[in-house]
Amino acid sequence: TMLGEIVGGNGRIGSAIRRFAGDDLYCTRKLDKIGVNSPTNTPIFVCTGVENLEEVVSKTEPSRRRDLVFMQVELVRPTMPYDLILVQNGLVRSLLVDLEEDQTIAVLYFSVLERNGPAKEGGCSYVHGRWAQEFCNILKNGGMSCKVLSSSRQLDIKAAKKLLWASCLWLICHVNGGIAVGQVHDSDRCSSQLRSLVEELLPIIRAQTDDSSSMPELELDNVLSDLESYSRNIPTAIPSKTLAVNELRFRNGWFLDHGDKAAQRFHLQLLQETGVHC
């Protein structure tokens, strides 16, 4: 029995999801209409880059859009940190705001360094929404940890921390000669740089999070501990500078768009040192 459909199933993450699912997912081809080749009332896993979301949603059969399962950390709710695409991309805004309240969104904490390569767990992944349990089961089938969260607000906090990791670690790694993420935390100098950078960016996330109950989880030391924990699970990983620059508006650009640039001097200095001028 087909478990559902996958978009971007030949990429790094997509190939892992297919493998975890036992190849029981229809792999959408480039010219396919999305949602017509899998049974109704089954999930559609979206494993594309964030820049392709507009096309994916527009190519999805309208009655199947509520089945889309998103796993791009830079995503899609009209709350932090998903509003970047909504603001910058009118079509995605109009399509996705109309989606169901229980849209499935996942925050992944595993990495796949090459297509069809092994998945390396960096911590527990999180998912919320209509197909959360099914997605969790697939990850667990692949040996990954995953937890279903009961509210989108809980997921927002997990996504915010992942966004911080994706925006900070590549910068610290590359201003220090392209070191691995584990080395950042082994070095007093690099750890101090990371702390200063997170200290600058964290208030921007807090300002977008109006739920005071989430604040203990967004305290500086708690956040730094979580970032280190993720890095320690993948200590030899060196974040791709090319990918970070390509996705800049969805990563570091989110902080520049939502915060006062004058209060992000260290952030801007590090970007400049890596050759990025904002």
C-alpha atoms as a PDB file:
ATOM      1  CA  THR A   1       0.000   0.000   0.000  1.00  0.00           C
ATOM      2  CA  MET A   2       1.356   3.401  -0.947  1.00  0.00           C
ATOM      3  CA  LEU A   3       1.950   5.557   2.130  1.00  0.00           C
ATOM      4  CA  GLY A   4       1.752   8.825   0.215  1.00  0.00           C
ATOM      5  CA  GLU A   5       3.825  11.006  -2.055  1.00  0.00           C
ATOM      6  CA  ILE A   6       7.178  12.758  -1.905  1.00  0.00           C
ATOM      7  CA  VAL A   7       8.324  15.921  -3.695  1.00  0.00           C
ATOM      8  CA  GLY A   8      12.093  16.306  -4.013  1.00  0.00           C
ATOM      9  CA  GLY A   9      12.587  12.626  -3.303  1.00  0.00           C
ATOM     10  CA  ASN A  10      15.923  12.459  -5.126  1.00  0.00           C
ATOM     11  CA  GLY A  11      17.671  15.055  -2.970  1.00  0.00           C
ATOM     12  CA  ARG A  12      19.653  14.486   0.236  1.00  0.00           C
ATOM     13  CA  ILE A  13      16.756  14.650   2.705  1.00  0.00           C
ATOM     14  CA  GLY A  14      14.228  13.252   0.234  1.00  0.00           C
ATOM     15  CA  SER A  15      16.293  10.167  -0.496  1.00  0.00           C
ATOM     16  CA  ALA A  16      16.539   9.488   3.253  1.00  0.00           C
ATOM     17  CA  ILE A  17      12.772   9.906   3.788  1.00  0.00           C
ATOM     18  CA  ARG A  18      12.104   7.513   0.901  1.00  0.00           C
ATOM     19  CA  ARG A  19      14.450   4.973   2.406  1.00  0.00           C
ATOM     20  CA  PHE A  20      12.889   5.328   5.868  1.00  0.00           C
ATOM     21  CA  ALA A  21       9.435   4.806   4.324  1.00  0.00           C
ATOM     22  CA  GLY A  22      10.542   1.598   2.624  1.00  0.00           C
ATOM     23  CA  ASP A  23      10.107   3.153  -0.840  1.00  0.00           C
ATOM     24  CA  ASP A  24       6.328   3.119  -0.357  1.00  0.00           C
ATOM     25  CA  LEU A  25       6.014   6.762  -1.490  1.00  0.00           C
ATOM     26  CA  TYR A  26       5.217   7.936  -5.006  1.00  0.00           C
ATOM     27  CA  CYS A  27       8.165  10.086  -6.095  1.00  0.00           C
ATOM     28  CA  THR A  28       6.827  13.101  -7.963  1.00  0.00           C
ATOM     29  CA  ARG A  29       8.574  13.855 -11.246  1.00  0.00           C
ATOM     30  CA  LYS A  30       9.371  17.379 -12.385  1.00  0.00           C
ATOM     31  CA  LEU A  31       6.356  17.913 -14.639  1.00  0.00           C
ATOM     32  CA  ASP A  32       3.840  16.048 -12.465  1.00  0.00           C
ATOM     33  CA  LYS A  33       0.842  17.720 -10.935  1.00  0.00           C
ATOM     34  CA  ILE A  34       1.301  17.123  -7.209  1.00  0.00           C
ATOM     35  CA  GLY A  35      -1.299  15.131  -5.322  1.00  0.00           C
ATOM     36  CA  VAL A  36      -2.868  13.229  -8.221  1.00  0.00           C
ATOM     37  CA  ASN A  37      -0.606  10.155  -8.125  1.00  0.00           C
ATOM     38  CA  SER A  38      -1.071   9.192  -4.472  1.00  0.00           C
ATOM     39  CA  PRO A  39      -4.224   8.056  -2.674  1.00  0.00           C
ATOM     40  CA  THR A  40      -6.405  10.789  -1.212  1.00  0.00           C
ATOM     41  CA  ASN A  41      -6.051  11.258   2.520  1.00  0.00           C
ATOM     42  CA  THR A  42      -2.338  10.393   2.515  1.00  0.00           C
ATOM     43  CA  PRO A  43       0.588  12.728   3.262  1.00  0.00           C
ATOM     44  CA  ILE A  44       2.673  14.538   0.649  1.00  0.00           C
ATOM     45  CA  PHE A  45       6.215  15.083   1.951  1.00  0.00           C
ATOM     46  CA  VAL A  46       7.870  18.250   0.630  1.00  0.00           C
ATOM     47  CA  CYS A  47      11.666  17.817   0.628  1.00  0.00           C
ATOM     48  CA  THR A  48      12.597  20.665  -1.698  1.00  0.00           C
ATOM     49  CA  GLY A  49      14.589  23.756  -0.846  1.00  0.00           C
ATOM     50  CA  VAL A  50      12.724  26.682   0.634  1.00  0.00           C
ATOM     51  CA  GLU A  51      13.078  28.625  -2.624  1.00  0.00           C
ATOM     52  CA  ASN A  52      10.891  26.040  -4.418  1.00  0.00           C
ATOM     53  CA  LEU A  53       7.895  26.205  -2.081  1.00  0.00           C
ATOM     54  CA  GLU A  54       5.928  28.609  -4.230  1.00  0.00           C
ATOM     55  CA  GLU A  55       6.106  26.263  -7.211  1.00  0.00           C
ATOM     56  CA  VAL A  56       5.300  23.201  -5.085  1.00  0.00           C
ATOM     57  CA  VAL A  57       2.170  24.719  -3.580  1.00  0.00           C
ATOM     58  CA  SER A  58       0.949  26.087  -6.903  1.00  0.00           C
ATOM     59  CA  LYS A  59       1.395  22.661  -8.571  1.00  0.00           C
ATOM     60  CA  THR A  60      -0.471  20.837  -5.803  1.00  0.00           C
ATOM     61  CA  GLU A  61      -4.079  19.849  -6.419  1.00  0.00           C
ATOM     62  CA  PRO A  62      -6.090  22.321  -4.263  1.00  0.00           C
ATOM     63  CA  SER A  63      -7.935  19.547  -2.431  1.00  0.00           C
ATOM     64  CA  ARG A  64      -4.586  17.992  -1.427  1.00  0.00           C
ATOM     65  CA  ARG A  65      -2.804  21.097  -0.099  1.00  0.00           C
ATOM     66  CA  ARG A  66      -3.799  20.284   3.451  1.00  0.00           C
ATOM     67  CA  ASP A  67      -1.822  17.018   3.062  1.00  0.00           C
ATOM     68  CA  LEU A  68       1.478  18.800   2.383  1.00  0.00           C
ATOM     69  CA  VAL A  69       4.134  18.068   5.012  1.00  0.00           C
ATOM     70  CA  PHE A  70       6.758  20.829   5.186  1.00  0.00           C
ATOM     71  CA  MET A  71      10.228  20.358   6.662  1.00  0.00           C
ATOM     72  CA  GLN A  72      11.906  23.646   5.738  1.00  0.00           C
ATOM     73  CA  VAL A  73      12.849  25.443   8.941  1.00  0.00           C
ATOM     74  CA  GLU A  74      12.408  28.831   7.259  1.00  0.00           C
ATOM     75  CA  LEU A  75       8.694  28.229   6.740  1.00  0.00           C
ATOM     76  CA  VAL A  76       5.299  29.133   6.481  1.00  0.00           C
ATOM     77  CA  ARG A  77       3.008  30.101   9.354  1.00  0.00           C
ATOM     78  CA  PRO A  78       2.041  33.733   9.864  1.00  0.00           C
ATOM     79  CA  THR A  79       4.013  33.582  13.128  1.00  0.00           C
ATOM     80  CA  MET A  80       7.715  33.636  13.880  1.00  0.00           C
ATOM     81  CA  PRO A  81       9.893  32.580  12.112  1.00  0.00           C
ATOM     82  CA  TYR A  82       7.766  31.541   9.169  1.00  0.00           C
ATOM     83  CA  ASP A  83       6.523  34.953   8.083  1.00  0.00           C
ATOM     84  CA  LEU A  84       9.558  35.768   5.926  1.00  0.00           C
ATOM     85  CA  ILE A  85       8.242  33.849   2.942  1.00  0.00           C
ATOM     86  CA  LEU A  86       4.725  35.131   3.535  1.00  0.00           C
ATOM     87  CA  VAL A  87       5.999  38.698   3.400  1.00  0.00           C
ATOM     88  CA  GLN A  88       8.306  38.249   0.435  1.00  0.00           C
ATOM     89  CA  ASN A  89       6.256  35.923  -1.701  1.00  0.00           C
ATOM     90  CA  GLY A  90       2.708  36.963  -2.422  1.00  0.00           C
ATOM     91  CA  LEU A  91       1.627  33.722  -4.094  1.00  0.00           C
ATOM     92  CA  VAL A  92       2.791  31.555  -1.228  1.00  0.00           C
ATOM     93  CA  ARG A  93       1.028  33.874   1.180  1.00  0.00           C
ATOM     94  CA  SER A  94      -2.295  33.614  -0.600  1.00  0.00           C
ATOM     95  CA  LEU A  95      -2.025  29.847  -0.988  1.00  0.00           C
ATOM     96  CA  LEU A  96      -0.715  28.914   2.428  1.00  0.00           C
ATOM     97  CA  VAL A  97      -2.791  31.193   4.614  1.00  0.00           C
ATOM     98  CA  ASP A  98      -5.802  29.322   3.232  1.00  0.00           C
ATOM     99  CA  LEU A  99      -4.421  25.972   4.331  1.00  0.00           C
ATOM    100  CA  GLU A 100      -5.719  24.060   7.292  1.00  0.00           C
ATOM    101  CA  GLU A 101      -4.861  25.036  10.842  1.00  0.00           C
ATOM    102  CA  ASP A 102      -3.423  21.539  11.276  1.00  0.00           C
ATOM    103  CA  GLN A 103      -0.915  21.848   8.420  1.00  0.00           C
ATOM    104  CA  THR A 104       1.982  19.486   9.120  1.00  0.00           C
ATOM    105  CA  ILE A 105       5.363  21.122   9.705  1.00  0.00           C
ATOM    106  CA  ALA A 106       8.517  19.384  10.924  1.00  0.00           C
ATOM    107  CA  VAL A 107      11.784  20.682  12.361  1.00  0.00           C
ATOM    108  CA  LEU A 108      14.470  18.161  11.453  1.00  0.00           C
ATOM    109  CA  TYR A 109      17.491  17.422  13.603  1.00  0.00           C
ATOM    110  CA  PHE A 110      19.337  15.000  11.372  1.00  0.00           C
ATOM    111  CA  SER A 111      21.679  15.608   8.478  1.00  0.00           C
ATOM    112  CA  VAL A 112      22.395  13.773   5.223  1.00  0.00           C
ATOM    113  CA  LEU A 113      25.658  14.929   3.665  1.00  0.00           C
ATOM    114  CA  GLU A 114      25.110  13.433   0.210  1.00  0.00           C
ATOM    115  CA  ARG A 115      22.294  12.012  -1.870  1.00  0.00           C
ATOM    116  CA  ASN A 116      21.531   8.438  -0.803  1.00  0.00           C
ATOM    117  CA  GLY A 117      24.077   8.851   1.995  1.00  0.00           C
ATOM    118  CA  PRO A 118      23.493   7.791   5.605  1.00  0.00           C
ATOM    119  CA  ALA A 119      21.450   9.987   7.910  1.00  0.00           C
ATOM    120  CA  LYS A 120      23.296  11.290  10.963  1.00  0.00           C
ATOM    121  CA  GLU A 121      21.110  12.192  13.922  1.00  0.00           C
ATOM    122  CA  GLY A 122      21.784  15.554  15.561  1.00  0.00           C
ATOM    123  CA  GLY A 123      19.051  15.273  18.169  1.00  0.00           C
ATOM    124  CA  CYS A 124      15.313  14.732  18.372  1.00  0.00           C
ATOM    125  CA  SER A 125      13.250  16.020  15.442  1.00  0.00           C
ATOM    126  CA  TYR A 126       9.854  17.622  16.066  1.00  0.00           C
ATOM    127  CA  VAL A 127       6.607  17.678  14.114  1.00  0.00           C
ATOM    128  CA  HIS A 128       3.138  19.144  14.544  1.00  0.00           C
ATOM    129  CA  GLY A 129      -0.026  18.837  12.463  1.00  0.00           C
ATOM    130  CA  ARG A 130      -2.361  16.511  10.644  1.00  0.00           C
ATOM    131  CA  TRP A 131       0.240  13.953   9.523  1.00  0.00           C
ATOM    132  CA  ALA A 132       2.579  14.362  12.500  1.00  0.00           C
ATOM    133  CA  GLN A 133       2.291  10.813  13.817  1.00  0.00           C
ATOM    134  CA  GLU A 134       2.743   9.248  10.378  1.00  0.00           C
ATOM    135  CA  PHE A 135       5.838  11.364   9.748  1.00  0.00           C
ATOM    136  CA  CYS A 136       7.199  10.516  13.192  1.00  0.00           C
ATOM    137  CA  ASN A 137       6.710   6.797  12.489  1.00  0.00           C
ATOM    138  CA  ILE A 138       8.658   7.091   9.215  1.00  0.00           C
ATOM    139  CA  LEU A 139      11.593   8.820  10.938  1.00  0.00           C
ATOM    140  CA  LYS A 140      11.612   6.245  13.730  1.00  0.00           C
ATOM    141  CA  ASN A 141      11.574   3.494  11.109  1.00  0.00           C
ATOM    142  CA  GLY A 142      14.834   5.033   9.846  1.00  0.00           C
ATOM    143  CA  GLY A 143      16.335   5.007  13.337  1.00  0.00           C
ATOM    144  CA  MET A 144      15.818   8.726  13.981  1.00  0.00           C
ATOM    145  CA  SER A 145      14.275  10.203  17.148  1.00  0.00           C
ATOM    146  CA  CYS A 146      11.102  12.233  16.668  1.00  0.00           C
ATOM    147  CA  LYS A 147       8.470  13.783  18.913  1.00  0.00           C
ATOM    148  CA  VAL A 148       4.947  14.940  18.047  1.00  0.00           C
ATOM    149  CA  LEU A 149       4.195  18.374  19.506  1.00  0.00           C
ATOM    150  CA  SER A 150       0.649  19.325  20.469  1.00  0.00           C
ATOM    151  CA  SER A 151       0.782  22.988  19.429  1.00  0.00           C
ATOM    152  CA  SER A 152       2.220  25.084  16.619  1.00  0.00           C
ATOM    153  CA  ARG A 153       3.629  27.471  19.243  1.00  0.00           C
ATOM    154  CA  GLN A 154       5.798  24.678  20.666  1.00  0.00           C
ATOM    155  CA  LEU A 155       7.039  23.993  17.161  1.00  0.00           C
ATOM    156  CA  ASP A 156       7.761  27.698  16.586  1.00  0.00           C
ATOM    157  CA  ILE A 157      10.259  27.649  19.468  1.00  0.00           C
ATOM    158  CA  LYS A 158      12.029  24.554  18.084  1.00  0.00           C
ATOM    159  CA  ALA A 159      12.113  26.150  14.630  1.00  0.00           C
ATOM    160  CA  ALA A 160      13.510  29.385  16.073  1.00  0.00           C
ATOM    161  CA  LYS A 161      16.425  27.520  17.645  1.00  0.00           C
ATOM    162  CA  LYS A 162      17.119  25.619  14.425  1.00  0.00           C
ATOM    163  CA  LEU A 163      17.018  28.916  12.525  1.00  0.00           C
ATOM    164  CA  LEU A 164      19.552  30.349  14.981  1.00  0.00           C
ATOM    165  CA  TRP A 165      21.827  27.342  14.494  1.00  0.00           C
ATOM    166  CA  ALA A 166      21.522  27.581  10.691  1.00  0.00           C
ATOM    167  CA  SER A 167      22.236  31.331  10.772  1.00  0.00           C
ATOM    168  CA  CYS A 168      25.065  31.384  13.332  1.00  0.00           C
ATOM    169  CA  LEU A 169      27.178  28.248  13.010  1.00  0.00           C
ATOM    170  CA  TRP A 170      28.090  28.625   9.350  1.00  0.00           C
ATOM    171  CA  LEU A 171      29.280  32.178  10.062  1.00  0.00           C
ATOM    172  CA  ILE A 172      31.459  31.230  13.033  1.00  0.00           C
ATOM    173  CA  CYS A 173      32.845  28.202  11.166  1.00  0.00           C
ATOM    174  CA  HIS A 174      33.822  30.200   8.082  1.00  0.00           C
ATOM    175  CA  VAL A 175      35.240  33.337   9.732  1.00  0.00           C
ATOM    176  CA  ASN A 176      37.561  30.909  11.502  1.00  0.00           C
ATOM    177  CA  GLY A 177      38.879  29.211   8.384  1.00  0.00           C
ATOM    178  CA  GLY A 178      36.153  26.655   7.630  1.00  0.00           C
ATOM    179  CA  ILE A 179      36.311  24.676  10.880  1.00  0.00           C
ATOM    180  CA  ALA A 180      33.799  21.983  11.887  1.00  0.00           C
ATOM    181  CA  VAL A 181      30.890  22.798  14.188  1.00  0.00           C
ATOM    182  CA  GLY A 182      32.315  20.745  17.063  1.00  0.00           C
ATOM    183  CA  GLN A 183      35.490  22.830  16.987  1.00  0.00           C
ATOM    184  CA  VAL A 184      33.460  26.008  17.510  1.00  0.00           C
ATOM    185  CA  HIS A 185      32.445  24.771  20.961  1.00  0.00           C
ATOM    186  CA  ASP A 186      35.949  23.481  21.765  1.00  0.00           C
ATOM    187  CA  SER A 187      37.482  26.919  21.279  1.00  0.00           C
ATOM    188  CA  ASP A 188      37.039  29.665  23.890  1.00  0.00           C
ATOM    189  CA  ARG A 189      37.407  32.299  21.188  1.00  0.00           C
ATOM    190  CA  CYS A 190      34.828  30.751  18.867  1.00  0.00           C
ATOM    191  CA  SER A 191      32.430  30.022  21.729  1.00  0.00           C
ATOM    192  CA  SER A 192      32.685  33.653  22.769  1.00  0.00           C
ATOM    193  CA  GLN A 193      31.944  34.766  19.201  1.00  0.00           C
ATOM    194  CA  LEU A 194      28.917  32.481  19.085  1.00  0.00           C
ATOM    195  CA  ARG A 195      27.632  33.791  22.407  1.00  0.00           C
ATOM    196  CA  SER A 196      27.974  37.412  21.237  1.00  0.00           C
ATOM    197  CA  LEU A 197      26.174  36.639  17.985  1.00  0.00           C
ATOM    198  CA  VAL A 198      23.299  34.759  19.635  1.00  0.00           C
ATOM    199  CA  GLU A 199      23.020  37.554  22.222  1.00  0.00           C
ATOM    200  CA  GLU A 200      22.439  39.991  19.341  1.00  0.00           C
ATOM    201  CA  LEU A 201      19.932  37.852  17.460  1.00  0.00           C
ATOM    202  CA  LEU A 202      17.907  36.314  20.286  1.00  0.00           C
ATOM    203  CA  PRO A 203      15.963  39.515  21.168  1.00  0.00           C
ATOM    204  CA  ILE A 204      14.647  39.589  17.601  1.00  0.00           C
ATOM    205  CA  ILE A 205      13.196  36.120  18.043  1.00  0.00           C
ATOM    206  CA  ARG A 206      11.784  37.014  21.453  1.00  0.00           C
ATOM    207  CA  ALA A 207      10.104  40.087  19.975  1.00  0.00           C
ATOM    208  CA  GLN A 208       8.320  37.847  17.463  1.00  0.00           C
ATOM    209  CA  THR A 209       7.202  35.419  20.190  1.00  0.00           C
ATOM    210  CA  ASP A 210       4.293  36.850  22.106  1.00  0.00           C
ATOM    211  CA  ASP A 211       3.738  33.790  24.309  1.00  0.00           C
ATOM    212  CA  SER A 212       5.464  34.485  27.629  1.00  0.00           C
ATOM    213  CA  SER A 213       5.310  30.804  28.579  1.00  0.00           C
ATOM    214  CA  SER A 214       7.977  30.124  25.957  1.00  0.00           C
ATOM    215  CA  MET A 215      10.459  32.591  27.405  1.00  0.00           C
ATOM    216  CA  PRO A 216      12.433  30.217  29.693  1.00  0.00           C
ATOM    217  CA  GLU A 217      13.223  28.134  26.619  1.00  0.00           C
ATOM    218  CA  LEU A 218      14.511  31.265  24.897  1.00  0.00           C
ATOM    219  CA  GLU A 219      16.905  32.329  27.651  1.00  0.00           C
ATOM    220  CA  LEU A 220      20.436  32.825  26.365  1.00  0.00           C
ATOM    221  CA  ASP A 221      22.125  29.996  28.260  1.00  0.00           C
ATOM    222  CA  ASN A 222      19.346  27.523  27.393  1.00  0.00           C
ATOM    223  CA  VAL A 223      19.578  28.413  23.713  1.00  0.00           C
ATOM    224  CA  LEU A 224      23.387  28.164  23.667  1.00  0.00           C
ATOM    225  CA  SER A 225      23.169  24.780  25.384  1.00  0.00           C
ATOM    226  CA  ASP A 226      20.714  23.515  22.744  1.00  0.00           C
ATOM    227  CA  LEU A 227      22.869  24.822  19.877  1.00  0.00           C
ATOM    228  CA  GLU A 228      25.927  23.106  21.342  1.00  0.00           C
ATOM    229  CA  SER A 229      24.002  19.872  21.846  1.00  0.00           C
ATOM    230  CA  TYR A 230      23.060  19.795  18.152  1.00  0.00           C
ATOM    231  CA  SER A 231      26.639  20.581  17.087  1.00  0.00           C
ATOM    232  CA  ARG A 232      28.082  17.902  19.388  1.00  0.00           C
ATOM    233  CA  ASN A 233      25.910  15.287  17.686  1.00  0.00           C
ATOM    234  CA  ILE A 234      27.403  16.173  14.283  1.00  0.00           C
ATOM    235  CA  PRO A 235      30.844  17.432  15.407  1.00  0.00           C
ATOM    236  CA  THR A 236      32.698  16.952  12.108  1.00  0.00           C
ATOM    237  CA  ALA A 237      30.072  18.708   9.959  1.00  0.00           C
ATOM    238  CA  ILE A 238      31.231  21.867   8.186  1.00  0.00           C
ATOM    239  CA  PRO A 239      28.188  23.912   7.122  1.00  0.00           C
ATOM    240  CA  SER A 240      28.123  24.769   3.435  1.00  0.00           C
ATOM    241  CA  LYS A 241      28.902  28.436   2.914  1.00  0.00           C
ATOM    242  CA  THR A 242      27.506  28.233  -0.621  1.00  0.00           C
ATOM    243  CA  LEU A 243      24.168  26.912   0.621  1.00  0.00           C
ATOM    244  CA  ALA A 244      24.061  29.461   3.464  1.00  0.00           C
ATOM    245  CA  VAL A 245      24.658  32.332   1.033  1.00  0.00           C
ATOM    246  CA  ASN A 246      22.071  30.963  -1.415  1.00  0.00           C
ATOM    247  CA  GLU A 247      19.524  30.768   1.395  1.00  0.00           C
ATOM    248  CA  LEU A 248      20.668  33.993   3.047  1.00  0.00           C
ATOM    249  CA  ARG A 249      17.328  35.790   2.868  1.00  0.00           C
ATOM    250  CA  PHE A 250      15.655  32.838   4.601  1.00  0.00           C
ATOM    251  CA  ARG A 251      18.353  32.565   7.307  1.00  0.00           C
ATOM    252  CA  ASN A 252      20.399  35.606   8.351  1.00  0.00           C
ATOM    253  CA  GLY A 253      18.181  37.822   6.237  1.00  0.00           C
ATOM    254  CA  TRP A 254      15.232  37.035   8.493  1.00  0.00           C
ATOM    255  CA  PHE A 255      17.045  38.685  11.415  1.00  0.00           C
ATOM    256  CA  LEU A 256      18.110  41.670   9.312  1.00  0.00           C
ATOM    257  CA  ASP A 257      14.530  42.153   8.109  1.00  0.00           C
ATOM    258  CA  HIS A 258      12.933  41.813  11.546  1.00  0.00           C
ATOM    259  CA  GLY A 259      15.473  43.575  13.758  1.00  0.00           C
ATOM    260  CA  ASP A 260      17.266  46.900  13.880  1.00  0.00           C
ATOM    261  CA  LYS A 261      20.453  46.567  11.837  1.00  0.00           C
ATOM    262  CA  ALA A 262      22.136  49.084  14.143  1.00  0.00           C
ATOM    263  CA  ALA A 263      21.762  46.537  16.954  1.00  0.00           C
ATOM    264  CA  GLN A 264      23.346  43.778  14.819  1.00  0.00           C
ATOM    265  CA  ARG A 265      26.842  45.178  14.390  1.00  0.00           C
ATOM    266  CA  PHE A 266      28.622  41.911  15.158  1.00  0.00           C
ATOM    267  CA  HIS A 267      26.234  39.993  12.887  1.00  0.00           C
ATOM    268  CA  LEU A 268      26.930  42.416  10.024  1.00  0.00           C
ATOM    269  CA  GLN A 269      30.684  42.341  10.734  1.00  0.00           C
ATOM    270  CA  LEU A 270      30.765  38.537  10.489  1.00  0.00           C
ATOM    271  CA  LEU A 271      28.732  38.574   7.276  1.00  0.00           C
ATOM    272  CA  GLN A 272      31.158  41.120   5.816  1.00  0.00           C
ATOM    273  CA  GLU A 273      34.145  38.991   6.856  1.00  0.00           C
ATOM    274  CA  THR A 274      32.676  36.064   4.913  1.00  0.00           C
ATOM    275  CA  GLY A 275      32.217  38.280   1.855  1.00  0.00           C
ATOM    276  CA  VAL A 276      28.491  38.929   2.266  1.00  0.00           C
ATOM    277  CA  HIS A 277      27.473  42.597   2.098  1.00  0.00           C
ATOM    278  CA  CYS A 278      23.992  43.464   3.344  1.00  0.00           C
END
